[in-house]
Amino acid sequence: MRHACTLLFATLFVPSLFAQDTEYIRALERSQTDRPSTLTSSARIAPLDEPGTPLVIHGHLFAEDGRTPVSNAVVFAYHTDAAGLYDRVAAPPHSWRLRGWTKTDAEGRFEFATIRPGAYPSRNIPAHVHFTVFGQQGRYHAGELRFDDDPLVKNDERTASRRNGEFGHVRPVRTQDRAQHVEFAIRLDPKQRFD
């Protein structure tokens, strides 16, 4: 859980600290050894038998200008299970059991089928999905997706997210075909590039 607090603090309050979190970077690099050799623009994070509410994330990746789609970039995502846990009991920290990879299509689009993550147990941090992008220009922390219907999301966070329009990180949720769906656009931020 220490990682969750460190990462949340780094992401929300001091973005430059994110690149300094060597423990996180080592875990990220370890996880990439499991990246499938062939990726498409659509992938699954949680297995079909994973308990939880089905969720589909419809993503769109843009360059810094917010207009140019980024194609052929690898998008890595991970999140907690429905109980709010990242790792299996007795697994090493940062194993991120529920994780997946896609490669953006020619329009910069990607999609993840998964379950709705749970909030951390005994915490007041909203449920979220983490994203990292691997592209021609390097790797980027690509923020977190949060859910507008989550009661743990504070009103000032919703307001700040709405000011960012389609690039806001708190997104509306719609239900269709017995699954929840969320649209999530990412704009690459040079300040979030890390080595």
Protein backbone atom coordinates (compact mmCIF):
# COMPACT_ATOMS: atom_id res chain seq x y z
CA MET A 1 0.00 0.00 0.00
CA ARG A 2 2.96 2.34 0.46
CA HIS A 3 3.39 2.42 -3.32
CA ALA A 4 -0.24 3.47 -3.81
CA CYS A 5 0.16 6.46 -1.50
CA THR A 6 3.53 7.44 -2.97
CA LEU A 7 2.24 7.23 -6.52
CA LEU A 8 -0.98 9.09 -5.72
CA PHE A 9 0.96 11.90 -4.03
CA ALA A 10 3.43 12.07 -6.91
CA THR A 11 0.70 12.07 -9.52
CA LEU A 12 -1.67 14.56 -7.94
CA PHE A 13 0.61 16.98 -6.14
CA VAL A 14 4.20 16.82 -7.36
CA PRO A 15 4.32 15.43 -10.93
CA SER A 16 8.12 15.66 -11.14
CA LEU A 17 8.43 13.14 -8.29
CA PHE A 18 6.88 10.45 -10.44
CA ALA A 19 10.05 10.06 -12.50
CA GLN A 20 12.05 9.77 -9.28
CA ASP A 21 10.09 6.81 -7.93
CA THR A 22 12.71 4.19 -8.81
CA GLU A 23 10.79 1.43 -7.04
CA TYR A 24 7.83 2.06 -9.32
CA ILE A 25 10.03 2.21 -12.43
CA ARG A 26 11.69 -1.10 -11.54
CA ALA A 27 8.25 -2.69 -11.08
CA LEU A 28 7.08 -1.22 -14.38
CA GLU A 29 10.11 -2.63 -16.18
CA ARG A 30 9.60 -6.05 -14.58
CA SER A 31 5.98 -6.07 -15.70
CA GLN A 32 6.96 -5.31 -19.30
CA THR A 33 8.74 -8.65 -19.56
CA ASP A 34 5.23 -10.17 -19.67
CA ARG A 35 4.08 -7.94 -22.52
CA PRO A 36 2.65 -10.09 -25.33
CA SER A 37 4.74 -10.14 -28.51
CA THR A 38 1.70 -9.27 -30.64
CA LEU A 39 -0.61 -6.44 -29.61
CA THR A 40 -3.79 -5.09 -31.14
CA SER A 41 -5.85 -2.01 -30.34
CA SER A 42 -8.22 -4.09 -28.18
CA ALA A 43 -7.19 -6.17 -25.16
CA ARG A 44 -8.47 -7.71 -21.96
CA ILE A 45 -7.16 -6.85 -18.50
CA ALA A 46 -9.32 -8.90 -16.13
CA PRO A 47 -10.05 -12.49 -17.14
CA LEU A 48 -13.65 -13.31 -18.00
CA ASP A 49 -14.16 -15.16 -14.71
CA GLU A 50 -12.84 -12.26 -12.56
CA PRO A 51 -15.52 -11.15 -10.06
CA GLY A 52 -16.76 -7.62 -10.62
CA THR A 53 -18.80 -5.35 -12.84
CA PRO A 54 -17.76 -5.62 -16.51
CA LEU A 55 -16.09 -2.42 -17.77
CA VAL A 56 -14.94 -1.33 -21.22
CA ILE A 57 -12.49 1.58 -21.51
CA HIS A 58 -12.62 3.26 -24.92
CA GLY A 59 -9.35 5.19 -25.17
CA HIS A 60 -7.89 7.76 -27.54
CA LEU A 61 -4.24 8.84 -27.44
CA PHE A 62 -3.11 12.28 -28.64
CA ALA A 63 0.19 14.09 -28.96
CA GLU A 64 1.02 17.16 -26.86
CA ASP A 65 -1.10 19.41 -29.10
CA GLY A 66 -4.25 17.51 -28.12
CA ARG A 67 -5.24 17.15 -31.79
CA THR A 68 -2.79 14.76 -33.44
CA PRO A 69 -3.62 11.08 -32.83
CA VAL A 70 -0.65 8.91 -31.78
CA SER A 71 -0.59 5.59 -33.62
CA ASN A 72 1.43 2.44 -32.85
CA ALA A 73 2.04 3.37 -29.22
CA VAL A 74 1.81 0.72 -26.52
CA VAL A 75 -0.67 1.57 -23.77
CA PHE A 76 -0.14 -0.31 -20.51
CA ALA A 77 -2.92 -0.23 -17.90
CA TYR A 78 -3.39 -1.79 -14.50
CA HIS A 79 -5.86 -1.53 -11.63
CA THR A 80 -7.11 -3.14 -8.45
CA ASP A 81 -9.56 -6.02 -8.31
CA ALA A 82 -13.14 -5.52 -7.10
CA ALA A 83 -11.89 -5.72 -3.48
CA GLY A 84 -9.40 -2.89 -4.06
CA LEU A 85 -6.24 -5.02 -4.12
CA TYR A 86 -3.46 -4.93 -6.74
CA ASP A 87 -1.61 -8.10 -5.78
CA ARG A 88 -2.45 -11.63 -4.72
CA VAL A 89 -1.83 -12.54 -1.08
CA ALA A 90 1.89 -13.38 -0.63
CA ALA A 91 2.74 -11.97 -4.10
CA PRO A 92 5.54 -9.43 -4.25
CA PRO A 93 4.41 -5.80 -4.16
CA HIS A 94 3.69 -4.12 -7.49
CA SER A 95 2.89 -7.36 -9.29
CA TRP A 96 -0.30 -5.72 -10.57
CA ARG A 97 -2.30 -8.87 -11.14
CA LEU A 98 -4.88 -7.10 -13.32
CA ARG A 99 -2.90 -5.50 -16.14
CA GLY A 100 -2.93 -5.35 -19.91
CA TRP A 101 -1.42 -3.87 -23.05
CA THR A 102 -2.79 -2.51 -26.31
CA LYS A 103 -1.24 -0.83 -29.33
CA THR A 104 -3.03 2.25 -30.64
CA ASP A 105 -4.49 2.03 -34.13
CA ALA A 106 -3.98 4.55 -36.96
CA GLU A 107 -6.45 6.92 -35.27
CA GLY A 108 -4.76 6.62 -31.86
CA ARG A 109 -7.60 4.54 -30.45
CA PHE A 110 -7.37 1.64 -28.01
CA GLU A 111 -9.78 -0.39 -25.89
CA PHE A 112 -9.56 -2.43 -22.71
CA ALA A 113 -12.20 -4.92 -21.53
CA THR A 114 -11.94 -5.50 -17.79
CA ILE A 115 -13.90 -5.07 -14.56
CA ARG A 116 -14.63 -1.95 -12.56
CA PRO A 117 -11.78 -1.60 -10.03
CA GLY A 118 -12.50 -1.30 -6.33
CA ALA A 119 -11.29 1.45 -4.03
CA TYR A 120 -8.41 0.65 -1.69
CA PRO A 121 -9.70 -1.04 1.49
CA SER A 122 -10.18 1.34 4.43
CA ARG A 123 -9.14 4.34 2.35
CA ASN A 124 -10.85 7.38 0.90
CA ILE A 125 -9.07 7.23 -2.45
CA PRO A 126 -11.44 6.79 -5.42
CA ALA A 127 -11.18 3.69 -7.60
CA HIS A 128 -8.96 4.28 -10.63
CA VAL A 129 -7.05 2.77 -13.53
CA HIS A 130 -3.36 3.66 -14.11
CA PHE A 131 -1.94 4.22 -17.61
CA THR A 132 1.59 4.32 -19.02
CA VAL A 133 2.37 4.96 -22.70
CA PHE A 134 5.40 3.62 -24.56
CA GLY A 135 5.91 5.51 -27.82
CA GLN A 136 8.57 6.63 -30.25
CA GLN A 137 9.42 9.61 -28.04
CA GLY A 138 9.85 7.52 -24.89
CA ARG A 139 7.63 6.42 -22.03
CA TYR A 140 5.09 8.58 -20.26
CA HIS A 141 3.02 8.39 -17.15
CA ALA A 142 -0.40 8.89 -18.72
CA GLY A 143 -2.49 9.56 -15.65
CA GLU A 144 -5.40 7.84 -14.00
CA LEU A 145 -8.95 7.26 -15.07
CA ARG A 146 -11.50 7.88 -12.31
CA PHE A 147 -15.27 7.47 -12.44
CA ASP A 148 -17.76 10.32 -12.16
CA ASP A 149 -20.29 8.18 -10.29
CA ASP A 150 -17.76 7.22 -7.60
CA PRO A 151 -18.87 8.78 -4.27
CA LEU A 152 -15.20 9.05 -3.21
CA VAL A 153 -14.45 11.55 -6.00
CA LYS A 154 -14.56 15.02 -4.48
CA ASN A 155 -16.53 17.82 -6.14
CA ASP A 156 -13.43 20.00 -6.63
CA GLU A 157 -11.75 17.11 -8.48
CA ARG A 158 -14.81 16.72 -10.72
CA THR A 159 -14.78 20.47 -11.42
CA ALA A 160 -11.06 20.48 -12.26
CA SER A 161 -11.54 17.48 -14.53
CA ARG A 162 -14.43 19.15 -16.40
CA ARG A 163 -12.22 22.18 -17.08
CA ASN A 164 -9.92 19.82 -19.00
CA GLY A 165 -12.79 18.76 -21.27
CA GLU A 166 -12.19 15.47 -23.07
CA PHE A 167 -8.81 15.17 -21.32
CA GLY A 168 -10.32 15.28 -17.85
CA HIS A 169 -9.49 12.22 -15.75
CA VAL A 170 -12.89 11.88 -14.04
CA ARG A 171 -15.13 10.40 -16.72
CA PRO A 172 -18.86 9.71 -17.00
CA VAL A 173 -19.94 6.08 -16.97
CA ARG A 174 -22.68 4.69 -19.20
CA THR A 175 -24.21 1.22 -19.11
CA GLN A 176 -24.78 -0.75 -22.30
CA ASP A 177 -25.14 -4.48 -22.95
CA ARG A 178 -24.69 -5.35 -19.24
CA ALA A 179 -21.31 -3.59 -19.06
CA GLN A 180 -20.15 -0.15 -18.00
CA HIS A 181 -18.40 1.96 -20.63
CA VAL A 182 -16.06 4.92 -20.23
CA GLU A 183 -14.43 7.19 -22.84
CA PHE A 184 -10.91 8.23 -21.85
CA ALA A 185 -8.63 10.53 -23.87
CA ILE A 186 -4.95 10.90 -23.08
CA ARG A 187 -2.79 13.84 -24.14
CA LEU A 188 0.94 13.14 -23.83
CA ASP A 189 2.58 15.56 -21.42
CA PRO A 190 6.34 16.12 -21.84
CA LYS A 191 6.58 16.73 -18.08
CA GLN A 192 5.40 13.16 -17.51
CA ARG A 193 8.06 11.58 -19.74
CA PHE A 194 10.48 9.46 -17.77
CA ASP A 195 13.61 7.38 -18.43
